[in-house]
Amino acid sequence: MNNENKGIHATGVSPRVWAMLVVVCAINVAAHLMVMPSLPAQIPTHWGANGAVDGWGPS
């Protein structure tokens, strides 16, 4: 390993960036779990070309 690549993961992303991505993902999952109980029974899942909802699904 040369000095240029010290601290860089095999993917080319530093461990500090990986740690931040994991934190952001964990916050995202927690936020979704907090909001889920307040969702209605059916939510829109598809919109037509005119912008009107034409598909619904369970929450």
N, C-alpha and C. Protein backbone atom coordinates (compact mmCIF):
# COMPACT_ATOMS: atom_id res chain seq x y z
N MET A 1 0.85 -1.17 0.00
CA MET A 1 0.00 0.00 0.00
C MET A 1 0.89 1.23 0.00
N ASN A 2 0.66 2.14 -0.93
CA ASN A 2 1.46 3.36 -0.95
C ASN A 2 0.83 4.45 -0.09
N ASN A 3 1.53 5.53 0.12
CA ASN A 3 1.05 6.60 1.00
C ASN A 3 -0.19 7.30 0.47
N GLU A 4 -0.39 7.30 -0.82
CA GLU A 4 -1.55 7.98 -1.39
C GLU A 4 -2.86 7.33 -0.96
N ASN A 5 -2.87 6.02 -0.78
CA ASN A 5 -4.10 5.30 -0.50
C ASN A 5 -4.32 4.98 0.97
N LYS A 6 -3.53 5.57 1.86
CA LYS A 6 -3.71 5.28 3.29
C LYS A 6 -5.08 5.73 3.75
N GLY A 7 -5.78 4.85 4.46
CA GLY A 7 -7.09 5.18 4.99
C GLY A 7 -8.21 5.14 3.97
N ILE A 8 -7.94 4.66 2.78
CA ILE A 8 -8.97 4.57 1.75
C ILE A 8 -9.41 3.11 1.63
N HIS A 9 -10.70 2.89 1.66
CA HIS A 9 -11.27 1.55 1.53
C HIS A 9 -11.03 1.04 0.11
N ALA A 10 -11.13 -0.27 -0.08
CA ALA A 10 -10.90 -0.87 -1.40
C ALA A 10 -11.84 -0.30 -2.45
N THR A 11 -13.00 0.24 -2.02
CA THR A 11 -13.94 0.82 -2.97
C THR A 11 -13.55 2.23 -3.38
N GLY A 12 -12.55 2.80 -2.74
CA GLY A 12 -12.14 4.16 -3.03
C GLY A 12 -12.82 5.18 -2.14
N VAL A 13 -13.59 4.71 -1.16
CA VAL A 13 -14.30 5.59 -0.24
C VAL A 13 -13.68 5.45 1.14
N SER A 14 -13.42 6.57 1.78
CA SER A 14 -12.76 6.52 3.08
C SER A 14 -13.69 5.97 4.16
N PRO A 15 -13.15 5.39 5.20
CA PRO A 15 -13.97 4.87 6.30
C PRO A 15 -14.84 5.94 6.94
N ARG A 16 -14.38 7.17 6.97
CA ARG A 16 -15.17 8.27 7.54
C ARG A 16 -16.45 8.49 6.73
N VAL A 17 -16.34 8.40 5.40
CA VAL A 17 -17.52 8.56 4.55
C VAL A 17 -18.47 7.38 4.75
N TRP A 18 -17.94 6.16 4.83
CA TRP A 18 -18.79 5.00 5.09
C TRP A 18 -19.55 5.17 6.41
N ALA A 19 -18.86 5.64 7.44
CA ALA A 19 -19.51 5.84 8.74
C ALA A 19 -20.64 6.85 8.63
N MET A 20 -20.41 7.94 7.91
CA MET A 20 -21.46 8.95 7.74
C MET A 20 -22.65 8.39 6.97
N LEU A 21 -22.38 7.57 5.95
CA LEU A 21 -23.47 6.95 5.18
C LEU A 21 -24.30 6.02 6.06
N VAL A 22 -23.66 5.27 6.92
CA VAL A 22 -24.38 4.38 7.84
C VAL A 22 -25.25 5.19 8.79
N VAL A 23 -24.72 6.30 9.31
CA VAL A 23 -25.50 7.16 10.21
C VAL A 23 -26.70 7.74 9.49
N VAL A 24 -26.51 8.24 8.28
CA VAL A 24 -27.61 8.82 7.51
C VAL A 24 -28.68 7.76 7.22
N CYS A 25 -28.26 6.55 6.87
CA CYS A 25 -29.21 5.46 6.62
C CYS A 25 -29.99 5.11 7.88
N ALA A 26 -29.32 5.05 9.02
CA ALA A 26 -29.99 4.73 10.28
C ALA A 26 -31.02 5.81 10.63
N ILE A 27 -30.67 7.07 10.43
CA ILE A 27 -31.62 8.17 10.69
C ILE A 27 -32.81 8.06 9.75
N ASN A 28 -32.56 7.73 8.50
CA ASN A 28 -33.63 7.57 7.51
C ASN A 28 -34.60 6.46 7.93
N VAL A 29 -34.08 5.32 8.32
CA VAL A 29 -34.93 4.20 8.74
C VAL A 29 -35.73 4.58 9.97
N ALA A 30 -35.10 5.23 10.95
CA ALA A 30 -35.80 5.64 12.17
C ALA A 30 -36.93 6.62 11.84
N ALA A 31 -36.67 7.57 10.96
CA ALA A 31 -37.69 8.55 10.59
C ALA A 31 -38.88 7.86 9.91
N HIS A 32 -38.60 6.91 9.02
CA HIS A 32 -39.69 6.19 8.37
C HIS A 32 -40.50 5.38 9.38
N LEU A 33 -39.86 4.75 10.31
CA LEU A 33 -40.58 3.96 11.32
C LEU A 33 -41.43 4.86 12.22
N MET A 34 -40.96 6.08 12.48
CA MET A 34 -41.73 7.00 13.31
C MET A 34 -42.98 7.50 12.58
N VAL A 35 -42.89 7.68 11.27
CA VAL A 35 -44.00 8.23 10.49
C VAL A 35 -45.01 7.16 10.08
N MET A 36 -44.58 5.91 9.96
CA MET A 36 -45.45 4.84 9.47
C MET A 36 -46.79 4.74 10.19
N PRO A 37 -46.86 4.81 11.51
CA PRO A 37 -48.16 4.67 12.17
C PRO A 37 -49.17 5.76 11.80
N SER A 38 -48.70 6.91 11.37
CA SER A 38 -49.62 8.00 11.06
C SER A 38 -50.08 8.01 9.60
N LEU A 39 -49.62 7.05 8.80
CA LEU A 39 -50.04 6.98 7.40
C LEU A 39 -51.48 6.49 7.30
N PRO A 40 -52.21 6.96 6.28
CA PRO A 40 -53.58 6.46 6.08
C PRO A 40 -53.55 5.00 5.63
N ALA A 41 -54.72 4.36 5.62
CA ALA A 41 -54.81 2.95 5.25
C ALA A 41 -54.39 2.73 3.80
N GLN A 42 -54.70 3.67 2.91
CA GLN A 42 -54.29 3.57 1.51
C GLN A 42 -53.54 4.83 1.13
N ILE A 43 -52.47 4.63 0.36
CA ILE A 43 -51.67 5.76 -0.09
C ILE A 43 -51.51 5.70 -1.61
N PRO A 44 -51.37 6.87 -2.27
CA PRO A 44 -51.17 6.86 -3.72
C PRO A 44 -49.83 6.21 -4.07
N THR A 45 -49.85 5.40 -5.12
CA THR A 45 -48.62 4.74 -5.55
C THR A 45 -48.26 5.04 -7.00
N HIS A 46 -49.19 5.65 -7.75
CA HIS A 46 -48.91 5.94 -9.16
C HIS A 46 -49.73 7.14 -9.60
N TRP A 47 -49.10 7.99 -10.40
CA TRP A 47 -49.77 9.17 -10.94
C TRP A 47 -49.71 9.08 -12.45
N GLY A 48 -50.81 9.47 -13.12
CA GLY A 48 -50.87 9.48 -14.57
C GLY A 48 -50.15 10.69 -15.14
N ALA A 49 -50.12 10.77 -16.47
CA ALA A 49 -49.45 11.87 -17.15
C ALA A 49 -50.09 13.22 -16.83
N ASN A 50 -51.38 13.20 -16.49
CA ASN A 50 -52.06 14.45 -16.16
C ASN A 50 -51.88 14.86 -14.69
N GLY A 51 -51.18 14.05 -13.93
CA GLY A 51 -50.91 14.36 -12.53
C GLY A 51 -51.94 13.81 -11.55
N ALA A 52 -52.97 13.16 -12.05
CA ALA A 52 -54.00 12.60 -11.19
C ALA A 52 -53.56 11.20 -10.70
N VAL A 53 -53.94 10.90 -9.47
CA VAL A 53 -53.62 9.58 -8.91
C VAL A 53 -54.43 8.53 -9.63
N ASP A 54 -53.75 7.47 -10.12
CA ASP A 54 -54.48 6.38 -10.76
C ASP A 54 -54.06 5.01 -10.21
N GLY A 55 -53.39 5.02 -9.09
CA GLY A 55 -53.01 3.77 -8.43
C GLY A 55 -52.89 3.98 -6.93
N TRP A 56 -53.45 3.04 -6.17
CA TRP A 56 -53.42 3.12 -4.71
C TRP A 56 -52.87 1.81 -4.15
N GLY A 57 -52.27 1.89 -2.97
CA GLY A 57 -51.75 0.70 -2.32
C GLY A 57 -51.85 0.83 -0.81
N PRO A 58 -51.71 -0.29 -0.11
CA PRO A 58 -51.76 -0.25 1.35
C PRO A 58 -50.52 0.43 1.92
N SER A 59 -50.70 1.05 3.06
CA SER A 59 -49.53 1.71 3.70
C SER A 59 -48.71 0.73 4.48
